């Protein structure tokens, strides 16, 4: 939390609590709070099988689910000037798809970006915690393979379980839960990494085009204050922001006024000095 003002502006500061997960499933998940703060956002951590859930991933998981991940992003949406149907995305994923979508690639892509941002912020304090971050990175890479394997190449469940066991640090109990999740939710695992890569790409593009005008807290604010959206729309939003910054810089009279004012101030002094010099020269 103390590092956030260096990377974000207009922080919403909505409350957050941490609770035991009510069911045995994924390692952790986030539940949104209310926009007035009377109901805090909640990070549910799965502590039911500590022998199967190594703690070296807890820092990256916390960054993902809380700040600067889901809780911070959700808080910006709640306090922003957005329609209520966009502020309160529906997470009843088991229901028929007639609710307004919550745009998985944006939501989870930001959370992965938050894990990465934790390195810039200096949140990972030692190699043990960094091992957890990079272990999670390998896990996400494997999910890209498994998601497409199951739903495009026709992999069987056992093959997917074996693949994840071979290339990650996860236990079999954790792996089985994850594979069953991917089977029932096609494309969701791919969405994480696609969203993160797009956000990083847009940040690099903005930094390159704006140069010294690039402001990282402002870049983050533009993304988060507009709420979840398709990645194509997000790219348009950032492109428009880049153009706005460029136009504002060109339209700003600051530099011209500074030069002009200095000229006005210096001109009389220069003339006086020059006249004195001529007088002394031709006496």
Protein backbone atom coordinates (compact mmCIF):
# COMPACT_ATOMS: atom_id res chain seq x y z
CA UNK A 1 0.00 0.00 0.00
CA UNK A 2 2.73 2.58 0.76
CA UNK A 3 4.17 2.11 -2.74
CA UNK A 4 0.91 2.63 -4.61
CA UNK A 5 1.03 6.47 -4.88
CA UNK A 6 4.25 6.18 -6.89
CA UNK A 7 2.45 4.16 -9.56
CA UNK A 8 -1.21 5.23 -9.33
CA UNK A 9 -3.20 8.45 -9.04
CA UNK A 10 -6.60 9.20 -7.50
CA UNK A 11 -6.46 6.04 -5.39
CA UNK A 12 -9.97 4.86 -4.42
CA UNK A 13 -8.88 3.55 -1.00
CA UNK A 14 -11.83 1.19 -0.56
CA UNK A 15 -11.44 -1.33 2.31
CA UNK A 16 -10.14 -4.89 1.92
CA UNK A 17 -10.28 -7.92 4.23
CA UNK A 18 -8.72 -11.39 4.05
CA UNK A 19 -10.69 -14.51 4.95
CA UNK A 20 -10.40 -18.28 4.76
CA UNK A 21 -11.86 -19.66 1.54
CA UNK A 22 -15.29 -21.20 2.25
CA UNK A 23 -14.63 -24.03 -0.20
CA UNK A 24 -11.68 -26.12 -1.29
CA UNK A 25 -10.79 -25.01 -4.79
CA UNK A 26 -8.26 -22.62 -6.28
CA UNK A 27 -5.51 -21.09 -4.15
CA UNK A 28 -7.31 -17.79 -3.76
CA UNK A 29 -10.04 -15.59 -5.20
CA UNK A 30 -11.42 -12.08 -4.83
CA UNK A 31 -14.96 -10.89 -4.17
CA UNK A 32 -15.90 -7.28 -4.86
CA UNK A 33 -17.08 -4.91 -2.17
CA UNK A 34 -19.53 -2.00 -2.39
CA UNK A 35 -18.82 1.39 -3.87
CA UNK A 36 -19.53 3.19 -0.58
CA UNK A 37 -17.08 0.95 1.31
CA UNK A 38 -19.66 -0.44 3.75
CA UNK A 39 -18.96 -3.93 2.41
CA UNK A 40 -15.20 -4.42 1.94
CA UNK A 41 -13.63 -6.31 -0.90
CA UNK A 42 -12.63 -9.79 0.25
CA UNK A 43 -9.59 -11.90 -0.58
CA UNK A 44 -10.42 -15.54 0.09
CA UNK A 45 -7.23 -17.55 0.64
CA UNK A 46 -7.42 -21.34 0.48
CA UNK A 47 -5.74 -22.65 3.65
CA UNK A 48 -7.59 -25.98 3.77
CA UNK A 49 -4.66 -28.09 2.56
CA UNK A 50 -1.48 -26.27 3.57
CA UNK A 51 0.62 -29.32 2.71
CA UNK A 52 -0.55 -29.02 -0.91
CA UNK A 53 -0.33 -25.24 -1.24
CA UNK A 54 3.27 -24.02 -0.96
CA UNK A 55 3.64 -20.56 0.54
CA UNK A 56 6.29 -19.29 -1.89
CA UNK A 57 3.50 -18.19 -4.27
CA UNK A 58 1.55 -16.23 -1.66
CA UNK A 59 3.11 -12.84 -2.50
CA UNK A 60 2.35 -13.10 -6.21
CA UNK A 61 -1.13 -14.46 -5.41
CA UNK A 62 -1.80 -11.55 -3.05
CA UNK A 63 -0.64 -9.02 -5.65
CA UNK A 64 -2.93 -10.73 -8.17
CA UNK A 65 -6.05 -10.80 -6.00
CA UNK A 66 -5.71 -7.60 -3.96
CA UNK A 67 -3.47 -4.60 -4.71
CA UNK A 68 -2.47 -3.66 -7.30
CA UNK A 69 -4.55 -6.52 -8.80
CA UNK A 70 -8.27 -7.28 -8.64
CA UNK A 71 -9.17 -5.22 -5.57
CA UNK A 72 -7.51 -2.05 -6.83
CA UNK A 73 -8.89 -2.45 -10.36
CA UNK A 74 -12.37 -3.18 -9.05
CA UNK A 75 -12.20 -0.21 -6.68
CA UNK A 76 -11.38 2.16 -9.54
CA UNK A 77 -14.40 0.86 -11.46
CA UNK A 78 -16.67 1.34 -8.44
CA UNK A 79 -15.71 4.99 -7.85
CA UNK A 80 -15.49 5.97 -11.53
CA UNK A 81 -18.21 7.75 -13.47
CA UNK A 82 -19.45 4.60 -15.17
CA UNK A 83 -22.96 3.17 -15.68
CA UNK A 84 -23.96 0.84 -12.85
CA UNK A 85 -24.16 -2.16 -15.19
CA UNK A 86 -20.44 -1.63 -15.90
CA UNK A 87 -19.46 -0.98 -12.30
CA UNK A 88 -21.05 -4.18 -11.05
CA UNK A 89 -19.95 -6.96 -13.37
CA UNK A 90 -21.85 -10.21 -12.94
CA UNK A 91 -19.70 -13.14 -11.81
CA UNK A 92 -22.41 -15.84 -11.89
CA UNK A 93 -20.38 -17.82 -14.35
CA UNK A 94 -22.58 -20.88 -14.01
CA UNK A 95 -25.62 -19.01 -15.38
CA UNK A 96 -26.73 -18.63 -18.97
CA UNK A 97 -24.71 -15.92 -20.77
CA UNK A 98 -27.27 -13.14 -20.81
CA UNK A 99 -25.47 -10.86 -18.33
CA UNK A 100 -23.15 -8.06 -19.39
CA UNK A 101 -19.72 -9.69 -19.90
CA UNK A 102 -16.90 -9.01 -17.48
CA UNK A 103 -14.15 -9.31 -20.12
CA UNK A 104 -11.86 -11.98 -18.77
CA UNK A 105 -8.77 -10.90 -20.74
CA UNK A 106 -8.92 -7.40 -19.27
CA UNK A 107 -9.75 -8.48 -15.71
CA UNK A 108 -7.25 -11.32 -15.42
CA UNK A 109 -4.72 -9.67 -17.71
CA UNK A 110 -4.54 -6.74 -15.31
CA UNK A 111 -4.08 -9.11 -12.37
CA UNK A 112 -1.12 -10.79 -14.09
CA UNK A 113 0.28 -7.36 -14.91
CA UNK A 114 -0.04 -6.58 -11.19
CA UNK A 115 2.17 -9.57 -10.37
CA UNK A 116 4.76 -8.23 -12.81
CA UNK A 117 4.39 -4.71 -11.42
CA UNK A 118 5.26 -6.11 -8.00
CA UNK A 119 8.84 -6.49 -9.20
CA UNK A 120 9.06 -2.82 -10.19
CA UNK A 121 7.56 -1.85 -6.85
CA UNK A 122 10.11 -3.97 -4.95
CA UNK A 123 7.45 -6.12 -3.28
CA UNK A 124 9.28 -9.43 -3.71
CA UNK A 125 11.83 -9.29 -0.91
CA UNK A 126 13.96 -12.36 -1.55
CA UNK A 127 14.66 -15.27 -3.90
CA UNK A 128 12.05 -17.43 -2.16
CA UNK A 129 9.27 -15.00 -3.07
CA UNK A 130 10.65 -14.47 -6.57
CA UNK A 131 10.69 -18.23 -7.03
CA UNK A 132 6.97 -18.15 -6.33
CA UNK A 133 6.45 -15.46 -8.95
CA UNK A 134 8.40 -17.31 -11.64
CA UNK A 135 6.79 -20.60 -10.67
CA UNK A 136 3.44 -18.94 -11.34
CA UNK A 137 4.77 -17.65 -14.69
CA UNK A 138 5.64 -21.21 -15.72
CA UNK A 139 2.19 -22.28 -14.54
CA UNK A 140 0.54 -19.67 -16.78
CA UNK A 141 2.64 -20.74 -19.75
CA UNK A 142 1.53 -24.33 -19.24
CA UNK A 143 -2.10 -23.24 -19.08
CA UNK A 144 -1.81 -21.79 -22.58
CA UNK A 145 -0.76 -25.23 -23.78
CA UNK A 146 -3.42 -27.10 -21.81
CA UNK A 147 -6.31 -24.80 -22.68
CA UNK A 148 -5.67 -25.11 -26.41
CA UNK A 149 -4.79 -28.79 -26.00
CA UNK A 150 -8.11 -29.64 -24.38
CA UNK A 151 -10.39 -27.49 -26.51
CA UNK A 152 -8.68 -27.46 -29.90
CA UNK A 153 -6.41 -30.48 -30.14
CA UNK A 154 -8.68 -32.87 -28.29
CA UNK A 155 -6.46 -33.76 -25.32
CA UNK A 156 -7.87 -36.13 -22.75
CA UNK A 157 -8.07 -35.11 -19.09
CA UNK A 158 -5.27 -37.45 -17.98
CA UNK A 159 -2.88 -36.04 -20.57
CA UNK A 160 -3.54 -32.51 -19.35
CA UNK A 161 -2.98 -33.56 -15.73
CA UNK A 162 0.29 -35.26 -16.63
CA UNK A 163 1.51 -32.21 -18.56
CA UNK A 164 0.88 -29.85 -15.66
CA UNK A 165 2.54 -32.23 -13.21
CA UNK A 166 5.63 -32.52 -15.42
CA UNK A 167 6.26 -28.82 -15.90
CA UNK A 168 5.06 -27.05 -12.74
CA UNK A 169 5.71 -27.19 -8.99
CA UNK A 170 2.05 -27.93 -8.23
CA UNK A 171 0.93 -31.05 -6.39
CA UNK A 172 -1.43 -33.53 -7.99
CA UNK A 173 -4.36 -32.40 -5.83
CA UNK A 174 -3.94 -28.82 -7.03
CA UNK A 175 -3.39 -29.89 -10.62
CA UNK A 176 -6.58 -31.98 -10.77
CA UNK A 177 -8.67 -29.05 -9.50
CA UNK A 178 -7.11 -26.75 -12.09
CA UNK A 179 -7.58 -29.15 -15.02
CA UNK A 180 -11.25 -29.67 -14.18
CA UNK A 181 -11.61 -25.92 -14.14
CA UNK A 182 -10.08 -25.54 -17.62
CA UNK A 183 -12.26 -28.33 -18.99
CA UNK A 184 -15.43 -26.52 -17.93
CA UNK A 185 -14.33 -23.02 -18.99
CA UNK A 186 -12.81 -22.97 -22.50
CA UNK A 187 -10.43 -20.11 -23.26
CA UNK A 188 -10.37 -18.64 -19.76
CA UNK A 189 -6.80 -19.72 -19.00
CA UNK A 190 -5.57 -18.25 -22.29
CA UNK A 191 -7.28 -14.95 -21.51
CA UNK A 192 -4.96 -14.22 -18.57
CA UNK A 193 -1.78 -14.08 -20.59
CA UNK A 194 -3.35 -12.46 -23.65
CA UNK A 195 -4.54 -9.58 -21.48
CA UNK A 196 -1.23 -9.12 -19.68
CA UNK A 197 0.74 -9.10 -22.92
CA UNK A 198 -1.61 -6.50 -24.42
CA UNK A 199 -1.28 -4.18 -21.39
CA UNK A 200 2.52 -4.47 -21.51
CA UNK A 201 2.47 -3.84 -25.26
CA UNK A 202 0.34 -0.72 -24.83
CA UNK A 203 2.57 0.57 -22.04
CA UNK A 204 5.65 0.12 -24.21
CA UNK A 205 3.92 1.81 -27.14
CA UNK A 206 2.83 4.78 -25.03
CA UNK A 207 6.27 5.19 -23.47
CA UNK A 208 7.93 5.11 -26.88
CA UNK A 209 5.55 7.57 -28.55
CA UNK A 210 5.31 10.01 -25.65
CA UNK A 211 8.91 9.91 -24.46
CA UNK A 212 9.33 12.37 -21.54
CA UNK A 213 5.59 13.10 -21.66
CA UNK A 214 4.79 9.52 -20.59
CA UNK A 215 3.32 9.36 -17.09
CA UNK A 216 2.96 5.84 -15.65
CA UNK A 217 0.37 6.70 -12.96
CA UNK A 218 -1.69 8.45 -15.62
CA UNK A 219 -1.38 5.44 -17.95
CA UNK A 220 -2.64 3.15 -15.20
CA UNK A 221 -5.46 5.58 -14.38
CA UNK A 222 -6.66 5.65 -17.99
CA UNK A 223 -6.86 1.84 -18.00
CA UNK A 224 -8.53 1.38 -14.62
CA UNK A 225 -10.90 4.35 -14.50
CA UNK A 226 -12.60 3.18 -17.71
CA UNK A 227 -13.46 -0.23 -16.26
CA UNK A 228 -13.30 -3.68 -17.89
CA UNK A 229 -13.53 -3.71 -21.68
CA UNK A 230 -12.51 -5.81 -24.69
CA UNK A 231 -8.79 -5.62 -25.51
CA UNK A 232 -9.52 -4.00 -28.87
CA UNK A 233 -11.44 -1.22 -27.13
CA UNK A 234 -8.64 -0.88 -24.56
CA UNK A 235 -6.15 -0.34 -27.37
CA UNK A 236 -8.37 2.40 -28.84
CA UNK A 237 -8.64 4.06 -25.42
CA UNK A 238 -4.85 4.15 -25.00
CA UNK A 239 -4.31 5.35 -28.58
CA UNK A 240 -6.75 8.20 -27.96
CA UNK A 241 -4.97 9.06 -24.71
CA UNK A 242 -1.60 9.13 -26.49
CA UNK A 243 -3.01 11.51 -29.11
CA UNK A 244 -4.60 13.70 -26.44
CA UNK A 245 -1.29 14.02 -24.57
CA UNK A 246 0.52 14.94 -27.80
CA UNK A 247 -2.10 17.54 -28.73
CA UNK A 248 -2.09 19.02 -25.24
CA UNK A 249 1.68 19.32 -25.38
CA UNK A 250 1.59 21.10 -28.74
CA UNK A 251 -1.22 23.40 -27.67
CA UNK A 252 0.41 24.32 -24.37
CA UNK A 253 1.80 27.87 -24.51
CA UNK A 254 4.03 27.22 -21.52
CA UNK A 255 7.36 26.96 -23.32
CA UNK A 256 6.59 29.77 -25.78
CA UNK A 257 5.45 32.10 -23.00
CA UNK A 258 8.54 31.32 -20.98
CA UNK A 259 10.80 32.21 -23.91
CA UNK A 260 8.76 35.27 -24.78
CA UNK A 261 8.67 36.55 -21.22
CA UNK A 262 12.38 36.06 -20.83
CA UNK A 263 12.98 38.01 -24.04
CA UNK A 264 10.82 40.86 -22.82
CA UNK A 265 12.63 40.92 -19.50
CA UNK A 266 16.09 40.76 -21.01
CA UNK A 267 15.63 43.20 -23.92
CA UNK A 268 15.77 46.50 -21.95
CA UNK A 269 18.77 45.35 -19.96
CA UNK A 270 20.56 44.35 -23.16
CA UNK A 271 19.80 47.70 -24.85
CA UNK A 272 21.01 49.65 -21.83
CA UNK A 273 24.22 47.61 -21.73
CA UNK A 274 24.73 48.09 -25.49
CA UNK A 275 24.14 51.87 -25.34
CA UNK A 276 26.55 52.22 -22.43
CA UNK A 277 29.13 50.22 -24.36
CA UNK A 278 28.76 52.46 -27.44
CA UNK A 279 28.98 55.62 -25.32
CA UNK A 280 32.21 54.47 -23.72
CA UNK A 281 33.61 53.35 -27.08
CA UNK A 282 33.09 56.65 -28.90
CA UNK A 283 33.80 59.13 -26.11
